[in-house]
C-alpha atoms as a PDB file:
ATOM      1  CA  UNK A   1      11.716  -8.444   1.131  1.00  0.00           C
ATOM      2  CA  UNK A   2       9.901  -5.577   2.212  1.00  0.00           C
ATOM      3  CA  UNK A   3       6.779  -7.705   2.998  1.00  0.00           C
ATOM      4  CA  UNK A   4       8.747 -10.118   4.867  1.00  0.00           C
ATOM      5  CA  UNK A   5      10.337  -7.463   7.118  1.00  0.00           C
ATOM      6  CA  UNK A   6       7.172  -6.069   7.810  1.00  0.00           C
ATOM      7  CA  UNK A   7       5.705  -9.467   8.963  1.00  0.00           C
ATOM      8  CA  UNK A   8       8.541 -10.115  11.169  1.00  0.00           C
ATOM      9  CA  UNK A   9       9.519  -6.561  12.271  1.00  0.00           C
ATOM     10  CA  UNK A  10       6.339  -4.532  11.912  1.00  0.00           C
ATOM     11  CA  UNK A  11       5.452  -1.224   9.884  1.00  0.00           C
ATOM     12  CA  UNK A  12       8.388   0.638  11.548  1.00  0.00           C
ATOM     13  CA  UNK A  13      10.980  -1.543   9.412  1.00  0.00           C
ATOM     14  CA  UNK A  14       9.582  -0.235   6.000  1.00  0.00           C
ATOM     15  CA  UNK A  15       9.388   3.338   6.924  1.00  0.00           C
ATOM     16  CA  UNK A  16      11.707   4.397   3.775  1.00  0.00           C
ATOM     17  CA  UNK A  17       9.479   2.503   1.481  1.00  0.00           C
ATOM     18  CA  UNK A  18       5.885   3.845   3.344  1.00  0.00           C
ATOM     19  CA  UNK A  19       4.042   6.947   1.776  1.00  0.00           C
ATOM     20  CA  UNK A  20       0.304   7.888   3.128  1.00  0.00           C
ATOM     21  CA  UNK A  21      -1.875   8.762   0.062  1.00  0.00           C
ATOM     22  CA  UNK A  22      -3.236  12.389   0.845  1.00  0.00           C
ATOM     23  CA  UNK A  23      -6.761  12.616   1.621  1.00  0.00           C
ATOM     24  CA  UNK A  24      -7.458   8.581   1.915  1.00  0.00           C
ATOM     25  CA  UNK A  25      -7.250   6.315   4.319  1.00  0.00           C
ATOM     26  CA  UNK A  26      -4.720   4.496   2.186  1.00  0.00           C
ATOM     27  CA  UNK A  27      -0.941   3.815   2.657  1.00  0.00           C
ATOM     28  CA  UNK A  28       1.314   2.881  -0.056  1.00  0.00           C
ATOM     29  CA  UNK A  29       4.389   0.420   0.004  1.00  0.00           C
ATOM     30  CA  UNK A  30       7.046   1.480  -2.878  1.00  0.00           C
ATOM     31  CA  UNK A  31       9.042  -1.555  -4.133  1.00  0.00           C
ATOM     32  CA  UNK A  32      11.773   0.059  -6.057  1.00  0.00           C
ATOM     33  CA  UNK A  33      13.883  -1.465  -9.019  1.00  0.00           C
ATOM     34  CA  UNK A  34      14.227  -1.994 -12.658  1.00  0.00           C
ATOM     35  CA  UNK A  35      10.397  -2.078 -12.478  1.00  0.00           C
ATOM     36  CA  UNK A  36       8.648  -0.471  -9.669  1.00  0.00           C
ATOM     37  CA  UNK A  37       5.862  -1.844  -7.824  1.00  0.00           C
ATOM     38  CA  UNK A  38       3.259  -0.221  -5.415  1.00  0.00           C
ATOM     39  CA  UNK A  39       0.986  -1.841  -2.911  1.00  0.00           C
ATOM     40  CA  UNK A  40      -1.558  -0.123  -1.772  1.00  0.00           C
ATOM     41  CA  UNK A  41      -2.770  -1.078   1.846  1.00  0.00           C
ATOM     42  CA  UNK A  42      -4.793   0.292   5.128  1.00  0.00           C
ATOM     43  CA  UNK A  43      -3.847  -0.398   9.037  1.00  0.00           C
ATOM     44  CA  UNK A  44      -6.524  -1.928  10.341  1.00  0.00           C
ATOM     45  CA  UNK A  45      -7.161  -2.193  14.548  1.00  0.00           C
ATOM     46  CA  UNK A  46      -3.486  -0.288  14.515  1.00  0.00           C
ATOM     47  CA  UNK A  47      -1.564  -3.974  14.339  1.00  0.00           C
ATOM     48  CA  UNK A  48      -2.885  -5.461  11.110  1.00  0.00           C
ATOM     49  CA  UNK A  49      -2.246  -4.267   7.622  1.00  0.00           C
ATOM     50  CA  UNK A  50      -4.572  -5.408   4.572  1.00  0.00           C
ATOM     51  CA  UNK A  51      -2.798  -5.399   1.296  1.00  0.00           C
ATOM     52  CA  UNK A  52      -5.927  -4.186  -1.059  1.00  0.00           C
ATOM     53  CA  UNK A  53      -3.994  -3.675  -4.647  1.00  0.00           C
ATOM     54  CA  UNK A  54      -0.667  -4.144  -6.208  1.00  0.00           C
ATOM     55  CA  UNK A  55       0.443  -2.658  -9.618  1.00  0.00           C
ATOM     56  CA  UNK A  56       3.251  -1.705 -11.173  1.00  0.00           C
ATOM     57  CA  UNK A  57       4.197   1.828 -11.309  1.00  0.00           C
ATOM     58  CA  UNK A  58       5.066   3.580 -14.833  1.00  0.00           C
ATOM     59  CA  UNK A  59       4.161   7.192 -13.404  1.00  0.00           C
ATOM     60  CA  UNK A  60       5.108   9.660 -11.168  1.00  0.00           C
ATOM     61  CA  UNK A  61       1.599   9.946  -9.791  1.00  0.00           C
ATOM     62  CA  UNK A  62      -0.507   7.019  -8.520  1.00  0.00           C
ATOM     63  CA  UNK A  63      -2.981   6.462 -11.215  1.00  0.00           C
ATOM     64  CA  UNK A  64      -6.693   7.126 -10.212  1.00  0.00           C
ATOM     65  CA  UNK A  65      -7.626   3.595 -11.477  1.00  0.00           C
ATOM     66  CA  UNK A  66      -5.490   1.939  -9.200  1.00  0.00           C
ATOM     67  CA  UNK A  67      -6.735   4.074  -6.228  1.00  0.00           C
ATOM     68  CA  UNK A  68     -10.314   3.062  -7.363  1.00  0.00           C
ATOM     69  CA  UNK A  69      -9.597  -0.370  -7.187  1.00  0.00           C
ATOM     70  CA  UNK A  70      -8.079  -0.236  -3.741  1.00  0.00           C
ATOM     71  CA  UNK A  71     -11.020   2.184  -2.163  1.00  0.00           C
ATOM     72  CA  UNK A  72     -13.499  -0.630  -3.483  1.00  0.00           C
ATOM     73  CA  UNK A  73     -12.011  -3.320  -2.216  1.00  0.00           C
ATOM     74  CA  UNK A  74     -11.655  -1.300   0.913  1.00  0.00           C
ATOM     75  CA  UNK A  75     -15.319  -0.500   0.828  1.00  0.00           C
ATOM     76  CA  UNK A  76     -16.391  -4.167   0.338  1.00  0.00           C
ATOM     77  CA  UNK A  77     -14.114  -5.077   3.471  1.00  0.00           C
ATOM     78  CA  UNK A  78     -15.831  -2.595   5.564  1.00  0.00           C
ATOM     79  CA  UNK A  79     -19.720  -3.724   4.291  1.00  0.00           C
END
């Protein structure tokens, strides 16, 4: 539902579910529920978002392993 709203209305529609990861070019879409999930993405060219990695969130902090996967994919995209 969140992704559908972003696609239709832009990122502004998901503000309560978005979080910038400190010190990184990554943002996080928070999907809350019985099993919370996160999607790490970058905002490309100010208009497009590129989804890099999705995972189930089991801890309060975003695990470094999950961040590293997203950063690796971002580096592949930029090279």
